[in-house]
Amino acid sequence: MRNFKFKRSLTLIAVTSLLSITIVSIPTVAQAAPACDGKSPVQTCGGATSDGAPYAMMVPANFNGTVYLYSHGYRPNVPVPAGIPGYGGYTVTNTPQPGPNETVIGALLAKGYGVVGSGFARQGWNADSAIKTNVELVGLFKKQFTKTTKVVAWGESLGGFITQALAEKHSDLFSAAAPLCMASDVTPLMTMAGDALWGLKTFFDPTIKGGNYSAGTAGYAEAMGDLVKVFTVIGTLQAAFAANPSTPAWPATSKVPDAIKGIPSRSALVMVALMSGIPMQSAHFDSTSAPAGLPASNTLSFQVAINPAFAALENVANAAALAVLATHDLELQAGGAIFDNTATDYAARIAEEQFIWASALSGNSGTGGLLSVLAASPRAKASPAAVAKLKTLGSHSGKVDIPTILLTGTADPITTAGNQQSVVDKYATYWADKWVAARKAGDRKRPANNQLVLWNFPSAKYSKYTAAGAPDTSVPAASGTNHCNFTTSQYMAVAELLAYAADNGKNLSGGPMLTKIRKAGNMTYDRGYSAPQLKYYGG
């Protein structure tokens, strides 16, 4: 098979896609009342809640009484030194963000809606404090703008987690909510990330610490060192894949037995993705396409063995980056190591997937060899006290009594679709219990099902290739892939659905709802679809 060269390096979303867009800059000193500029047609107010978290309010002159409270996603709680690939040079910021982006904010203001958002007092995993901040912020907004009649909550990623929690715990404050590409229970989320990082360590560079970081500055240095090593491995694999996609070389840092190195390194990376539960469609690789003009046998090989490895390369890079930053953050909060795979059976973990992706794993012999490495490698052991503490840092009950709208990409490599599905399943149980209780009470009317679940599916084929037949990663990420990869049209469709729900006490349904999401593009309502659950195994 011919060699393939990338037009440019793979796009790594890592944490940069989780960072907020700067909308306004306001004072961070706590104050009793917002400081407003009094401008027209849009008035901007700033201040800080009692915990010191800065906020921004934007209200048009024709304010219609409905305000959108936005919660931003995960921001690292430590700076990332310049020079680290992907997102080096990040500085911790608590700049408030009152909406997904400036275009969406402007469109909402033009329609007469207000927008508000906090920068939060702490970055990193901050669900508990962010919830309290937002509750206080709602009160401040209503006091400043007394014509407020309805508040809707929305947010992305960790902000989606926060939004879901607000809907569950403070439904009296909100008329509707939209958790987007949400993070769900933190324990399975970090298990996915931890498995990805441990897999890279095991197959490609055993000097990656991968957690159980030291206290203080030493631990910070270890985490930043891990980031460098992760992206060094990814870069080395990328070069090897481009040079010889059929049998790419293993990184020099790998210490797997020589016999295992007879298996292409691409198969080991596919194993890492599958055992972690990371999607096998990525920003630029659909796991089914091949360049035009290849002989039939080479076309099939590219489709079933090589394209999936490229997809795994993009997605594992992002999951491993999350693992380093979030693990360091959450270990500090939990007081010790939080990832434990001492009892994980990775053969059982991929029991179904190994047949679907047999060619990408190099067949039964390749699968067996890779599993033997996992079985023989030293495992990571967590601190029981830290694990117990981690479980207190956030989970969802699914018990929501206001209209909610959920949307996620089914190939999101950070907050995988299983995060949304877990909340869908919990709500289904809650609704079923309510129905049983109603029947026992003699009420034959079914409770309202007020959860609207939307999915963003990637196309079956979307990989692009240059005239020379090389994968082209310069094109934008495909819809349904990458983290919270939504268009302005999709954001606005969700915003309009929220407005309807707030005004009517229920979600839009039937033809009008289907028409709205069809016009937005790449949004699907499918009652029969259920996303795979997160690959979390207790013990």
Protein backbone atom coordinates (compact mmCIF):
# COMPACT_ATOMS: atom_id res chain seq x y z
CA MET A 1 0.00 0.00 0.00
CA ARG A 2 1.22 3.50 -0.79
CA ASN A 3 2.41 5.75 2.02
CA PHE A 4 0.12 8.54 3.19
CA LYS A 5 1.19 11.97 4.35
CA PHE A 6 -1.01 14.28 6.37
CA LYS A 7 -1.69 17.67 4.85
CA ARG A 8 -1.10 19.03 8.34
CA SER A 9 -0.99 17.67 11.85
CA LEU A 10 -4.11 16.23 13.43
CA THR A 11 -6.39 18.70 15.14
CA LEU A 12 -6.27 18.19 18.91
CA ILE A 13 -9.19 19.79 20.70
CA ALA A 14 -7.90 18.83 24.13
CA VAL A 15 -8.89 21.41 26.70
CA THR A 16 -8.84 24.42 24.41
CA SER A 17 -12.33 23.53 23.21
CA LEU A 18 -13.52 23.53 26.80
CA LEU A 19 -12.32 27.04 27.48
CA SER A 20 -14.76 29.88 27.42
CA ILE A 21 -14.93 32.66 24.89
CA THR A 22 -14.26 36.06 26.41
CA ILE A 23 -17.38 38.20 26.08
CA VAL A 24 -16.87 41.08 28.47
CA SER A 25 -14.41 42.18 31.11
CA ILE A 26 -15.79 43.37 34.41
CA PRO A 27 -14.56 44.03 37.94
CA THR A 28 -14.00 40.98 40.16
CA VAL A 29 -14.45 42.67 43.52
CA ALA A 30 -17.60 41.50 45.29
CA GLN A 31 -20.24 44.17 45.46
CA ALA A 32 -23.78 44.47 46.80
CA ALA A 33 -25.36 45.43 43.48
CA PRO A 34 -24.33 45.11 39.83
CA ALA A 35 -22.49 48.01 38.22
CA CYS A 36 -24.38 48.82 35.01
CA ASP A 37 -23.22 51.00 32.14
CA GLY A 38 -26.73 52.27 31.33
CA LYS A 39 -26.15 52.00 27.61
CA SER A 40 -28.84 51.44 24.99
CA PRO A 41 -29.93 49.35 23.14
CA VAL A 42 -28.06 46.86 25.34
CA GLN A 43 -27.14 47.49 28.96
CA THR A 44 -24.20 45.55 30.40
CA CYS A 45 -23.80 44.97 34.13
CA GLY A 46 -20.97 43.39 36.08
CA GLY A 47 -20.12 42.45 39.61
CA ALA A 48 -19.31 39.47 41.78
CA THR A 49 -21.35 37.12 43.89
CA SER A 50 -20.58 36.65 47.57
CA ASP A 51 -17.96 33.99 46.79
CA GLY A 52 -16.05 36.46 44.62
CA ALA A 53 -17.14 34.93 41.31
CA PRO A 54 -17.40 37.62 38.61
CA TYR A 55 -20.55 37.76 36.51
CA ALA A 56 -21.85 39.56 33.45
CA MET A 57 -25.44 40.56 32.67
CA MET A 58 -26.58 41.86 29.29
CA VAL A 59 -30.11 43.16 28.90
CA PRO A 60 -31.72 44.84 25.86
CA ALA A 61 -33.94 47.91 26.09
CA ASN A 62 -36.87 45.79 24.87
CA PHE A 63 -36.33 43.11 27.53
CA ASN A 64 -39.22 40.64 27.33
CA GLY A 65 -38.83 39.23 30.85
CA THR A 66 -36.97 35.99 30.01
CA VAL A 67 -33.27 35.62 30.81
CA TYR A 68 -30.87 32.84 29.78
CA LEU A 69 -28.43 31.74 32.50
CA TYR A 70 -25.39 30.13 30.87
CA SER A 71 -22.83 27.89 32.62
CA HIS A 72 -19.46 27.53 30.92
CA GLY A 73 -17.46 24.32 30.58
CA TYR A 74 -14.39 22.97 32.32
CA ARG A 75 -11.45 25.34 32.59
CA PRO A 76 -8.19 23.93 33.98
CA ASN A 77 -7.48 25.06 37.51
CA VAL A 78 -3.75 25.39 36.82
CA PRO A 79 -1.81 27.24 34.09
CA VAL A 80 -0.43 25.22 31.19
CA PRO A 81 3.11 26.25 30.25
CA ALA A 82 3.77 27.58 26.77
CA GLY A 83 5.17 25.02 24.36
CA ILE A 84 2.93 22.12 25.33
CA PRO A 85 1.19 21.04 22.11
CA GLY A 86 -2.48 21.78 21.68
CA TYR A 87 -3.07 24.35 24.40
CA GLY A 88 0.18 25.51 25.94
CA GLY A 89 0.13 29.03 27.34
CA TYR A 90 -3.25 28.73 29.04
CA THR A 91 -3.63 31.00 32.05
CA VAL A 92 -6.30 30.36 34.66
CA THR A 93 -9.19 32.75 34.11
CA ASN A 94 -12.54 33.41 35.72
CA THR A 95 -13.85 35.74 33.03
CA PRO A 96 -17.66 35.46 33.00
CA GLN A 97 -19.40 34.01 29.96
CA PRO A 98 -23.13 34.75 29.46
CA GLY A 99 -23.60 32.55 26.38
CA PRO A 100 -22.02 30.01 24.02
CA ASN A 101 -20.54 32.63 21.70
CA GLU A 102 -20.95 36.26 20.69
CA THR A 103 -23.18 35.47 17.72
CA VAL A 104 -25.69 33.54 19.83
CA ILE A 105 -25.62 36.21 22.54
CA GLY A 106 -26.28 38.92 19.97
CA ALA A 107 -29.18 36.99 18.44
CA LEU A 108 -30.82 36.47 21.84
CA LEU A 109 -30.43 40.13 22.77
CA ALA A 110 -31.95 41.13 19.43
CA LYS A 111 -35.02 39.03 20.24
CA GLY A 112 -35.49 40.81 23.58
CA TYR A 113 -33.98 38.19 25.86
CA GLY A 114 -31.50 38.89 28.64
CA VAL A 115 -28.34 36.83 29.15
CA VAL A 116 -26.27 36.26 32.27
CA GLY A 117 -23.32 34.09 33.21
CA SER A 118 -20.64 33.70 35.87
CA GLY A 119 -16.92 33.02 35.66
CA PHE A 120 -17.22 30.99 38.90
CA ALA A 121 -15.01 31.31 41.96
CA ARG A 122 -12.97 28.18 41.27
CA GLN A 123 -11.91 26.64 37.97
CA GLY A 124 -11.56 22.92 37.37
CA TRP A 125 -14.34 20.61 38.56
CA ASN A 126 -16.49 23.11 40.44
CA ALA A 127 -20.06 21.83 40.26
CA ASP A 128 -21.01 22.37 43.91
CA SER A 129 -19.72 25.94 44.13
CA ALA A 130 -21.01 26.81 40.65
CA ILE A 131 -24.53 25.71 41.56
CA LYS A 132 -24.52 27.99 44.61
CA THR A 133 -23.08 30.84 42.57
CA ASN A 134 -25.78 30.51 39.92
CA VAL A 135 -28.59 30.41 42.47
CA GLU A 136 -27.30 33.66 43.99
CA LEU A 137 -26.85 35.15 40.52
CA VAL A 138 -30.48 34.50 39.61
CA GLY A 139 -31.54 36.46 42.69
CA LEU A 140 -29.22 39.34 41.83
CA PHE A 141 -30.53 39.49 38.27
CA LYS A 142 -34.17 39.52 39.36
CA LYS A 143 -33.48 42.24 41.90
CA GLN A 144 -31.74 44.39 39.30
CA PHE A 145 -34.26 43.72 36.52
CA THR A 146 -37.60 43.54 38.27
CA LYS A 147 -39.52 42.82 35.07
CA THR A 148 -37.94 39.33 34.93
CA THR A 149 -40.65 36.67 34.74
CA LYS A 150 -38.78 33.57 33.55
CA VAL A 151 -35.27 32.18 33.90
CA VAL A 152 -33.97 29.38 31.68
CA ALA A 153 -30.70 27.57 32.37
CA TRP A 154 -28.34 26.16 29.80
CA GLY A 155 -24.69 25.20 29.57
CA GLU A 156 -22.14 22.88 27.97
CA SER A 157 -19.88 20.08 29.17
CA LEU A 158 -19.28 20.70 32.89
CA GLY A 159 -21.72 23.57 32.39
CA GLY A 160 -24.22 20.97 31.20
CA PHE A 161 -23.64 19.04 34.42
CA ILE A 162 -24.27 22.22 36.39
CA THR A 163 -27.42 22.96 34.39
CA GLN A 164 -28.85 19.49 34.98
CA ALA A 165 -28.13 19.83 38.69
CA LEU A 166 -29.86 23.22 38.80
CA ALA A 167 -32.94 21.70 37.15
CA GLU A 168 -32.98 18.85 39.67
CA LYS A 169 -32.29 20.83 42.84
CA HIS A 170 -33.72 24.29 42.14
CA SER A 171 -36.65 23.77 39.80
CA ASP A 172 -38.50 26.59 41.58
CA LEU A 173 -36.05 29.10 40.08
CA PHE A 174 -36.21 27.94 36.47
CA SER A 175 -38.87 27.52 33.80
CA ALA A 176 -36.80 25.27 31.51
CA ALA A 177 -33.27 23.93 31.16
CA ALA A 178 -30.94 22.62 28.45
CA PRO A 179 -27.87 20.62 29.52
CA LEU A 180 -25.74 20.33 26.36
CA CYS A 181 -22.99 17.74 25.73
CA MET A 182 -23.18 17.24 29.47
CA ALA A 183 -20.74 15.63 31.77
CA SER A 184 -22.57 13.15 33.94
CA ASP A 185 -21.46 11.33 37.09
CA VAL A 186 -17.82 12.21 37.66
CA THR A 187 -16.68 8.68 38.60
CA PRO A 188 -17.38 6.94 35.27
CA LEU A 189 -16.19 10.01 33.39
CA MET A 190 -12.82 9.84 35.12
CA THR A 191 -12.68 6.07 34.67
CA MET A 192 -12.92 6.57 30.92
CA ALA A 193 -10.19 9.21 31.01
CA GLY A 194 -8.04 7.15 33.36
CA ASP A 195 -8.29 4.04 31.19
CA ALA A 196 -7.19 6.04 28.15
CA LEU A 197 -4.18 7.48 29.97
CA TRP A 198 -3.23 4.14 31.51
CA GLY A 199 -3.50 2.51 28.07
CA LEU A 200 -1.08 5.03 26.56
CA LYS A 201 1.28 4.48 29.49
CA THR A 202 1.09 0.70 29.22
CA PHE A 203 1.57 0.38 25.47
CA PHE A 204 3.67 3.39 24.56
CA ASP A 205 5.52 5.10 27.44
CA PRO A 206 5.73 3.59 30.94
CA THR A 207 7.30 6.80 32.29
CA ILE A 208 3.90 8.51 32.10
CA LYS A 209 2.89 8.76 35.75
CA GLY A 210 -0.82 8.78 34.95
CA GLY A 211 -2.14 9.88 38.32
CA ASN A 212 -1.35 9.58 42.02
CA TYR A 213 0.44 12.88 41.59
CA SER A 214 2.51 14.30 44.43
CA ALA A 215 1.30 17.19 46.53
CA GLY A 216 2.07 20.80 45.73
CA THR A 217 4.46 22.02 43.07
CA ALA A 218 5.95 18.55 42.59
CA GLY A 219 2.57 17.15 41.57
CA TYR A 220 1.95 20.06 39.23
CA ALA A 221 5.30 19.42 37.55
CA GLU A 222 4.46 15.73 37.22
CA ALA A 223 1.12 16.50 35.59
CA MET A 224 2.64 18.96 33.12
CA GLY A 225 5.36 16.42 32.38
CA ASP A 226 2.66 13.87 31.62
CA LEU A 227 1.02 16.27 29.19
CA VAL A 228 4.31 16.60 27.32
CA LYS A 229 4.77 12.83 27.24
CA VAL A 230 1.20 12.20 26.08
CA PHE A 231 1.53 14.55 23.15
CA THR A 232 5.00 13.24 22.35
CA VAL A 233 3.51 9.75 22.06
CA ILE A 234 0.62 11.05 19.97
CA GLY A 235 2.99 12.95 17.68
CA THR A 236 5.25 9.92 17.26
CA LEU A 237 2.29 7.69 16.44
CA GLN A 238 0.93 10.27 14.02
CA ALA A 239 4.22 10.32 12.14
CA ALA A 240 4.37 6.52 12.10
CA PHE A 241 0.79 6.24 10.84
CA ALA A 242 1.49 8.72 8.06
CA ALA A 243 4.71 6.99 7.01
CA ASN A 244 3.33 3.45 6.94
CA PRO A 245 -0.37 3.15 7.81
CA SER A 246 -0.46 -0.63 7.36
CA THR A 247 2.30 -1.46 9.85
CA PRO A 248 3.27 1.74 11.68
CA ALA A 249 6.27 1.50 13.96
CA TRP A 250 6.05 1.58 17.73
CA PRO A 251 7.44 4.60 19.59
CA ALA A 252 10.97 4.13 20.92
CA THR A 253 9.60 4.76 24.41
CA SER A 254 7.42 1.63 24.28
CA LYS A 255 8.56 -1.25 26.48
CA VAL A 256 6.12 -3.93 25.34
CA PRO A 257 7.75 -7.30 24.51
CA ASP A 258 9.36 -7.58 21.08
CA ALA A 259 6.85 -10.25 20.11
CA ILE A 260 4.03 -7.79 20.68
CA LYS A 261 5.76 -5.23 18.45
CA GLY A 262 4.97 -7.56 15.57
CA ILE A 263 1.42 -6.25 15.96
CA PRO A 264 1.01 -2.82 14.30
CA SER A 265 1.07 0.01 16.82
CA ARG A 266 -2.20 1.27 15.31
CA SER A 267 -3.94 -1.81 16.73
CA ALA A 268 -2.73 -0.99 20.24
CA LEU A 269 -4.19 2.50 19.92
CA VAL A 270 -7.53 1.05 18.77
CA MET A 271 -7.41 -1.21 21.83
CA VAL A 272 -6.97 1.85 24.08
CA ALA A 273 -9.99 3.53 22.51
CA LEU A 274 -12.22 0.45 22.79
CA MET A 275 -11.29 -0.45 26.36
CA SER A 276 -11.96 3.16 27.42
CA GLY A 277 -15.28 3.51 25.62
CA ILE A 278 -14.00 6.31 23.39
CA PRO A 279 -15.95 6.75 20.13
CA MET A 280 -14.54 5.25 16.94
CA GLN A 281 -15.59 8.21 14.82
CA SER A 282 -13.46 11.33 15.20
CA ALA A 283 -13.33 14.86 13.84
CA HIS A 284 -11.88 13.77 10.50
CA PHE A 285 -12.12 9.98 10.38
CA ASP A 286 -15.39 8.09 9.98
CA SER A 287 -13.89 4.58 10.37
CA THR A 288 -15.40 3.48 7.04
CA SER A 289 -13.87 5.55 4.20
CA ALA A 290 -10.81 5.14 2.00
CA PRO A 291 -9.11 7.34 -0.60
CA ALA A 292 -10.27 6.98 -4.17
CA GLY A 293 -8.11 5.07 -6.63
CA LEU A 294 -6.79 2.34 -4.35
CA PRO A 295 -6.89 -1.30 -5.48
CA ALA A 296 -9.92 -3.13 -4.07
CA SER A 297 -7.93 -5.08 -1.46
CA ASN A 298 -6.16 -1.95 -0.24
CA THR A 299 -9.45 -0.05 -0.13
CA LEU A 300 -10.96 -2.66 2.18
CA SER A 301 -7.87 -2.69 4.38
CA PHE A 302 -7.95 1.09 4.73
CA GLN A 303 -11.66 1.07 5.56
CA VAL A 304 -11.59 -1.61 8.25
CA ALA A 305 -8.07 -1.37 9.69
CA ILE A 306 -6.48 2.00 9.05
CA ASN A 307 -9.26 4.59 9.13
CA PRO A 308 -10.37 3.37 12.61
CA ALA A 309 -6.81 3.78 13.88
CA PHE A 310 -6.67 7.38 12.67
CA ALA A 311 -9.99 8.01 14.43
CA ALA A 312 -8.63 6.48 17.63
CA LEU A 313 -5.54 8.68 17.36
CA GLU A 314 -7.57 11.90 17.32
CA ASN A 315 -9.98 10.85 20.07
CA VAL A 316 -7.52 9.20 22.46
CA ALA A 317 -5.37 12.34 22.38
CA ASN A 318 -8.26 14.34 23.75
CA ALA A 319 -9.31 11.81 26.37
CA ALA A 320 -5.75 11.45 27.66
CA ALA A 321 -5.30 15.21 27.90
CA LEU A 322 -8.50 15.40 29.93
CA ALA A 323 -7.21 12.60 32.11
CA VAL A 324 -4.03 14.45 33.04
CA LEU A 325 -5.60 17.81 33.84
CA ALA A 326 -8.79 16.56 35.46
CA THR A 327 -7.04 13.81 37.40
CA HIS A 328 -4.58 16.29 38.88
CA ASP A 329 -7.47 18.62 39.73
CA LEU A 330 -9.73 15.98 41.26
CA GLU A 331 -6.93 14.29 43.19
CA LEU A 332 -6.30 17.63 44.88
CA GLN A 333 -9.98 17.88 45.79
CA ALA A 334 -10.37 14.24 46.82
CA GLY A 335 -7.11 14.01 48.71
CA GLY A 336 -5.44 11.16 46.84
CA ALA A 337 -5.40 8.85 43.84
CA ILE A 338 -8.85 8.35 42.28
CA PHE A 339 -8.23 5.94 39.36
CA ASP A 340 -8.25 2.25 40.16
CA ASN A 341 -8.14 -0.59 37.65
CA THR A 342 -6.86 -3.35 39.90
CA ALA A 343 -10.02 -5.37 39.30
CA THR A 344 -10.82 -4.28 35.74
CA ASP A 345 -11.19 -7.12 33.24
CA TYR A 346 -10.21 -5.52 29.95
CA ALA A 347 -11.01 -8.69 28.00
CA ALA A 348 -14.59 -8.43 29.24
CA ARG A 349 -14.56 -4.71 28.56
CA ILE A 350 -14.07 -5.30 24.81
CA ALA A 351 -15.98 -8.59 24.55
CA GLU A 352 -18.37 -7.27 21.90
CA GLU A 353 -16.21 -4.65 20.24
CA GLN A 354 -13.35 -7.04 19.43
CA PHE A 355 -15.48 -8.69 16.75
CA ILE A 356 -16.77 -5.44 15.28
CA TRP A 357 -13.24 -4.02 15.04
CA ALA A 358 -11.39 -7.30 14.45
CA SER A 359 -9.39 -6.03 11.47
CA ALA A 360 -8.37 -2.83 13.26
CA LEU A 361 -7.15 -4.99 16.18
CA SER A 362 -5.20 -7.27 13.79
CA GLY A 363 -7.47 -10.25 14.24
CA ASN A 364 -7.75 -12.75 17.06
CA SER A 365 -3.99 -13.11 17.49
CA GLY A 366 -3.48 -9.37 17.66
CA THR A 367 -6.33 -8.94 20.12
CA GLY A 368 -5.01 -11.74 22.30
CA GLY A 369 -1.50 -10.34 22.29
CA LEU A 370 -2.62 -6.86 23.25
CA LEU A 371 -4.86 -8.19 26.01
CA SER A 372 -1.93 -10.19 27.38
CA VAL A 373 0.03 -6.96 27.77
CA LEU A 374 -2.85 -5.36 29.65
CA ALA A 375 -3.23 -8.41 31.90
CA ALA A 376 0.49 -8.51 32.77
CA SER A 377 1.01 -4.79 33.36
CA PRO A 378 1.08 -3.15 36.82
CA ARG A 379 -2.31 -1.67 37.70
CA ALA A 380 -3.21 1.66 39.23
CA LYS A 381 -4.56 1.60 42.78
CA ALA A 382 -6.69 4.36 44.21
CA SER A 383 -7.05 5.65 47.73
CA PRO A 384 -10.39 4.34 49.10
CA ALA A 385 -10.92 7.61 50.97
CA ALA A 386 -10.25 9.64 47.83
CA VAL A 387 -12.66 7.50 45.80
CA ALA A 388 -15.34 8.01 48.44
CA LYS A 389 -14.71 11.76 48.35
CA LEU A 390 -14.84 11.77 44.55
CA LYS A 391 -18.34 10.32 44.62
CA THR A 392 -19.51 13.30 46.65
CA LEU A 393 -18.31 15.79 44.03
CA GLY A 394 -21.26 15.33 41.77
CA SER A 395 -23.83 13.01 40.25
CA HIS A 396 -27.33 13.32 38.87
CA SER A 397 -30.58 11.80 40.06
CA GLY A 398 -32.49 12.43 36.83
CA LYS A 399 -35.42 13.76 38.84
CA VAL A 400 -36.51 16.87 36.96
CA ASP A 401 -39.99 18.45 36.95
CA ILE A 402 -39.41 21.30 34.52
CA PRO A 403 -39.02 20.95 30.74
CA THR A 404 -35.47 19.93 29.79
CA ILE A 405 -33.80 19.71 26.40
CA LEU A 406 -30.75 17.49 25.95
CA LEU A 407 -28.36 17.56 22.97
CA THR A 408 -25.01 15.88 22.39
CA GLY A 409 -22.87 14.57 19.56
CA THR A 410 -22.74 10.80 19.46
CA ALA A 411 -19.00 10.88 18.68
CA ASP A 412 -18.00 13.38 21.36
CA PRO A 413 -14.63 12.08 22.69
CA ILE A 414 -14.76 13.98 25.99
CA THR A 415 -18.30 13.77 27.33
CA THR A 416 -19.29 10.69 25.36
CA ALA A 417 -22.92 10.10 24.44
CA GLY A 418 -23.23 7.71 27.37
CA ASN A 419 -23.17 10.71 29.69
CA GLN A 420 -26.42 11.98 28.20
CA GLN A 421 -27.88 8.48 28.05
CA SER A 422 -27.31 7.95 31.77
CA VAL A 423 -29.47 11.00 32.55
CA VAL A 424 -32.09 9.87 30.03
CA ASP A 425 -32.26 6.48 31.75
CA LYS A 426 -32.50 7.99 35.21
CA TYR A 427 -35.32 10.27 34.11
CA ALA A 428 -37.13 7.30 32.56
CA THR A 429 -36.99 5.52 35.92
CA TYR A 430 -38.20 8.64 37.71
CA TRP A 431 -41.10 9.05 35.27
CA ALA A 432 -42.06 5.38 35.56
CA ASP A 433 -42.08 5.62 39.37
CA LYS A 434 -44.31 8.69 39.16
CA TRP A 435 -46.71 6.81 36.90
CA VAL A 436 -46.87 3.86 39.32
CA ALA A 437 -47.52 6.22 42.23
CA ALA A 438 -50.25 8.01 40.26
CA ARG A 439 -52.05 4.74 39.48
CA LYS A 440 -51.86 3.68 43.10
CA ALA A 441 -53.45 7.00 44.03
CA GLY A 442 -56.25 6.35 41.54
CA ASP A 443 -55.05 8.85 38.95
CA ARG A 444 -55.27 7.33 35.46
CA LYS A 445 -53.62 10.28 33.73
CA ARG A 446 -50.00 9.68 32.77
CA PRO A 447 -47.51 12.21 34.16
CA ALA A 448 -46.11 14.60 31.58
CA ASN A 449 -42.86 13.40 30.03
CA ASN A 450 -41.04 16.69 29.70
CA GLN A 451 -37.58 15.58 28.62
CA LEU A 452 -36.74 16.25 24.97
CA VAL A 453 -33.71 14.18 23.95
CA LEU A 454 -31.83 15.24 20.81
CA TRP A 455 -28.77 13.69 19.19
CA ASN A 456 -26.20 14.94 16.73
CA PHE A 457 -25.16 11.96 14.58
CA PRO A 458 -22.11 12.11 12.30
CA SER A 459 -22.65 11.05 8.70
CA ALA A 460 -21.68 7.49 7.83
CA LYS A 461 -18.92 8.79 5.55
CA TYR A 462 -17.21 12.16 5.88
CA SER A 463 -13.44 11.59 5.77
CA LYS A 464 -11.74 13.82 3.22
CA TYR A 465 -8.59 13.08 1.20
CA THR A 466 -6.21 15.20 -0.80
CA ALA A 467 -5.61 14.75 -4.50
CA ALA A 468 -2.63 12.61 -3.53
CA GLY A 469 -4.88 10.37 -1.44
CA ALA A 470 -3.70 11.54 1.97
CA PRO A 471 -6.18 12.15 4.82
CA ASP A 472 -7.06 15.84 4.88
CA THR A 473 -7.38 17.10 8.45
CA SER A 474 -7.50 20.76 7.46
CA VAL A 475 -11.27 20.65 6.96
CA PRO A 476 -13.62 21.49 9.87
CA ALA A 477 -14.56 18.74 12.29
CA ALA A 478 -17.56 16.74 11.14
CA SER A 479 -20.93 17.38 12.74
CA GLY A 480 -21.51 15.06 15.69
CA THR A 481 -17.79 14.77 16.45
CA ASN A 482 -15.39 16.69 18.69
CA HIS A 483 -16.46 18.17 21.98
CA CYS A 484 -19.60 20.34 22.03
CA ASN A 485 -19.21 20.91 18.30
CA PHE A 486 -22.47 22.81 17.69
CA THR A 487 -23.37 25.37 15.05
CA THR A 488 -25.00 28.73 15.71
CA SER A 489 -28.17 27.35 14.08
CA GLN A 490 -28.22 24.47 16.56
CA TYR A 491 -27.67 26.76 19.53
CA MET A 492 -30.46 29.01 18.37
CA ALA A 493 -32.81 26.06 17.83
CA VAL A 494 -32.19 24.98 21.43
CA ALA A 495 -32.68 28.56 22.63
CA GLU A 496 -36.02 28.82 20.79
CA LEU A 497 -37.13 25.46 22.14
CA LEU A 498 -36.25 26.72 25.63
CA ALA A 499 -38.29 29.87 25.09
CA TYR A 500 -41.33 27.82 24.04
CA ALA A 501 -40.92 25.49 27.02
CA ALA A 502 -40.61 28.41 29.44
CA ASP A 503 -43.72 30.08 28.05
CA ASN A 504 -45.87 26.95 27.87
CA GLY A 505 -44.64 24.78 30.73
CA LYS A 506 -43.90 21.92 28.34
CA ASN A 507 -41.59 21.08 25.47
CA LEU A 508 -42.55 21.70 21.88
CA SER A 509 -43.50 18.39 20.24
CA GLY A 510 -44.76 16.80 17.05
CA GLY A 511 -44.41 18.43 13.66
CA PRO A 512 -43.45 21.92 14.87
CA MET A 513 -40.58 20.50 16.93
CA LEU A 514 -39.37 18.26 14.10
CA THR A 515 -39.50 21.15 11.66
CA LYS A 516 -37.45 23.37 13.96
CA ILE A 517 -34.67 20.84 14.49
CA ARG A 518 -34.66 19.89 10.79
CA LYS A 519 -34.11 23.52 9.81
CA ALA A 520 -31.26 23.80 12.33
CA GLY A 521 -29.49 20.88 10.66
CA ASN A 522 -27.91 17.72 12.07
CA MET A 523 -30.27 17.38 15.03
CA THR A 524 -32.21 14.15 15.44
CA TYR A 525 -35.12 13.13 17.64
CA ASP A 526 -35.26 9.33 17.84
CA ARG A 527 -37.12 7.60 20.65
CA GLY A 528 -35.65 4.27 19.57
CA TYR A 529 -32.03 5.30 19.91
CA SER A 530 -30.04 4.51 23.04
CA ALA A 531 -26.37 5.47 23.28
CA PRO A 532 -23.88 2.99 24.77
CA GLN A 533 -23.45 3.49 28.49
CA LEU A 534 -20.13 4.65 29.86
CA LYS A 535 -17.64 1.81 30.21
CA TYR A 536 -17.43 1.88 33.96
CA TYR A 537 -16.97 -1.29 35.94
CA GLY A 538 -17.03 -1.05 39.71
CA GLY A 539 -14.23 -2.62 41.63
